[in-house]
Amino acid sequence: MREIFAGLPWWVKWIAVPVIALVVFGGLIATVVHFVISLLFKLLVFVALVGGLIYIVRKFMSSSSSRSDW
């Protein structure tokens, strides 16, 4: 691979090739990034809902046990 880029100017290696890669694979990269972000958001919502459920159940259980002491 180094032999291919050996005689080319620096801007071909560092500007032209990455731009071409982004044009060709840009849709794929955007799809993967969108998938990862949506998965992380769904995971965050899941954790928040489970945490809220645990908080509500513990609060309800502690208040019902204090009522039974009377």
C-alpha atoms as a PDB file:
ATOM      1  CA  MET A   1       0.000   0.000   0.000  1.00  0.00           C
ATOM      2  CA  ARG A   2       2.878   2.381   0.741  1.00  0.00           C
ATOM      3  CA  GLU A   3       4.252   1.824  -2.734  1.00  0.00           C
ATOM      4  CA  ILE A   4       1.001   3.059  -4.255  1.00  0.00           C
ATOM      5  CA  PHE A   5       1.106   6.375  -2.364  1.00  0.00           C
ATOM      6  CA  ALA A   6       4.895   6.786  -2.487  1.00  0.00           C
ATOM      7  CA  GLY A   7       5.074   9.092  -5.514  1.00  0.00           C
ATOM      8  CA  LEU A   8       1.913  11.082  -4.854  1.00  0.00           C
ATOM      9  CA  PRO A   9       1.704  14.535  -3.249  1.00  0.00           C
ATOM     10  CA  TRP A  10       0.742  14.833   0.420  1.00  0.00           C
ATOM     11  CA  TRP A  11      -2.682  16.324  -0.320  1.00  0.00           C
ATOM     12  CA  VAL A  12      -3.723  13.211  -2.222  1.00  0.00           C
ATOM     13  CA  LYS A  13      -2.994  11.005   0.805  1.00  0.00           C
ATOM     14  CA  TRP A  14      -4.417  13.273   3.475  1.00  0.00           C
ATOM     15  CA  ILE A  15      -7.250  15.149   1.709  1.00  0.00           C
ATOM     16  CA  ALA A  16      -8.389  13.525  -1.526  1.00  0.00           C
ATOM     17  CA  VAL A  17      -8.499   9.891  -0.378  1.00  0.00           C
ATOM     18  CA  PRO A  18     -10.453  10.598   2.873  1.00  0.00           C
ATOM     19  CA  VAL A  19     -12.903  12.838   0.966  1.00  0.00           C
ATOM     20  CA  ILE A  20     -13.493  10.096  -1.602  1.00  0.00           C
ATOM     21  CA  ALA A  21     -13.958   7.567   1.201  1.00  0.00           C
ATOM     22  CA  LEU A  22     -16.527   9.838   2.879  1.00  0.00           C
ATOM     23  CA  VAL A  23     -18.416  10.293  -0.382  1.00  0.00           C
ATOM     24  CA  VAL A  24     -18.471   6.569  -1.121  1.00  0.00           C
ATOM     25  CA  PHE A  25     -19.078   5.283   2.425  1.00  0.00           C
ATOM     26  CA  GLY A  26     -20.791   8.358   3.878  1.00  0.00           C
ATOM     27  CA  GLY A  27     -24.243   6.787   3.909  1.00  0.00           C
ATOM     28  CA  LEU A  28     -22.944   3.677   5.620  1.00  0.00           C
ATOM     29  CA  ILE A  29     -21.053   5.717   8.204  1.00  0.00           C
ATOM     30  CA  ALA A  30     -24.138   7.859   8.890  1.00  0.00           C
ATOM     31  CA  THR A  31     -26.289   4.744   9.269  1.00  0.00           C
ATOM     32  CA  VAL A  32     -23.877   3.162  11.752  1.00  0.00           C
ATOM     33  CA  VAL A  33     -23.571   6.395  13.768  1.00  0.00           C
ATOM     34  CA  HIS A  34     -27.370   6.793  13.812  1.00  0.00           C
ATOM     35  CA  PHE A  35     -27.807   3.182  14.954  1.00  0.00           C
ATOM     36  CA  VAL A  36     -25.272   3.553  17.781  1.00  0.00           C
ATOM     37  CA  ILE A  37     -26.771   6.849  18.996  1.00  0.00           C
ATOM     38  CA  SER A  38     -30.328   5.488  18.912  1.00  0.00           C
ATOM     39  CA  LEU A  39     -29.213   2.353  20.764  1.00  0.00           C
ATOM     40  CA  LEU A  40     -27.515   4.433  23.460  1.00  0.00           C
ATOM     41  CA  PHE A  41     -30.621   6.630  23.798  1.00  0.00           C
ATOM     42  CA  LYS A  42     -32.878   3.580  24.152  1.00  0.00           C
ATOM     43  CA  LEU A  43     -30.495   2.141  26.738  1.00  0.00           C
ATOM     44  CA  LEU A  44     -30.582   5.419  28.680  1.00  0.00           C
ATOM     45  CA  VAL A  45     -34.403   5.472  28.607  1.00  0.00           C
ATOM     46  CA  PHE A  46     -34.489   1.825  29.761  1.00  0.00           C
ATOM     47  CA  VAL A  47     -32.143   2.517  32.674  1.00  0.00           C
ATOM     48  CA  ALA A  48     -34.157   5.589  33.687  1.00  0.00           C
ATOM     49  CA  LEU A  49     -37.451   3.668  33.596  1.00  0.00           C
ATOM     50  CA  VAL A  50     -36.092   0.710  35.566  1.00  0.00           C
ATOM     51  CA  GLY A  51     -34.505   3.074  38.103  1.00  0.00           C
ATOM     52  CA  GLY A  52     -37.781   4.964  38.473  1.00  0.00           C
ATOM     53  CA  LEU A  53     -39.690   1.728  38.919  1.00  0.00           C
ATOM     54  CA  ILE A  54     -37.276   0.525  41.611  1.00  0.00           C
ATOM     55  CA  TYR A  55     -37.521   3.900  43.378  1.00  0.00           C
ATOM     56  CA  ILE A  56     -41.345   3.851  43.326  1.00  0.00           C
ATOM     57  CA  VAL A  57     -41.558   0.238  44.511  1.00  0.00           C
ATOM     58  CA  ARG A  58     -39.100   0.836  47.377  1.00  0.00           C
ATOM     59  CA  LYS A  59     -40.927   4.005  48.413  1.00  0.00           C
ATOM     60  CA  PHE A  60     -44.278   2.200  48.324  1.00  0.00           C
ATOM     61  CA  MET A  61     -42.914  -0.779  50.241  1.00  0.00           C
ATOM     62  CA  SER A  62     -41.361   1.412  52.942  1.00  0.00           C
ATOM     63  CA  SER A  63     -44.544   3.467  53.369  1.00  0.00           C
ATOM     64  CA  SER A  64     -46.749   0.346  53.504  1.00  0.00           C
ATOM     65  CA  SER A  65     -44.510  -1.272  56.136  1.00  0.00           C
ATOM     66  CA  SER A  66     -44.631   1.875  58.286  1.00  0.00           C
ATOM     67  CA  ARG A  67     -48.446   1.858  58.055  1.00  0.00           C
ATOM     68  CA  SER A  68     -48.582  -1.741  59.275  1.00  0.00           C
ATOM     69  CA  ASP A  69     -46.626  -0.753  62.415  1.00  0.00           C
ATOM     70  CA  TRP A  70     -49.623   1.285  63.621  1.00  0.00           C
END
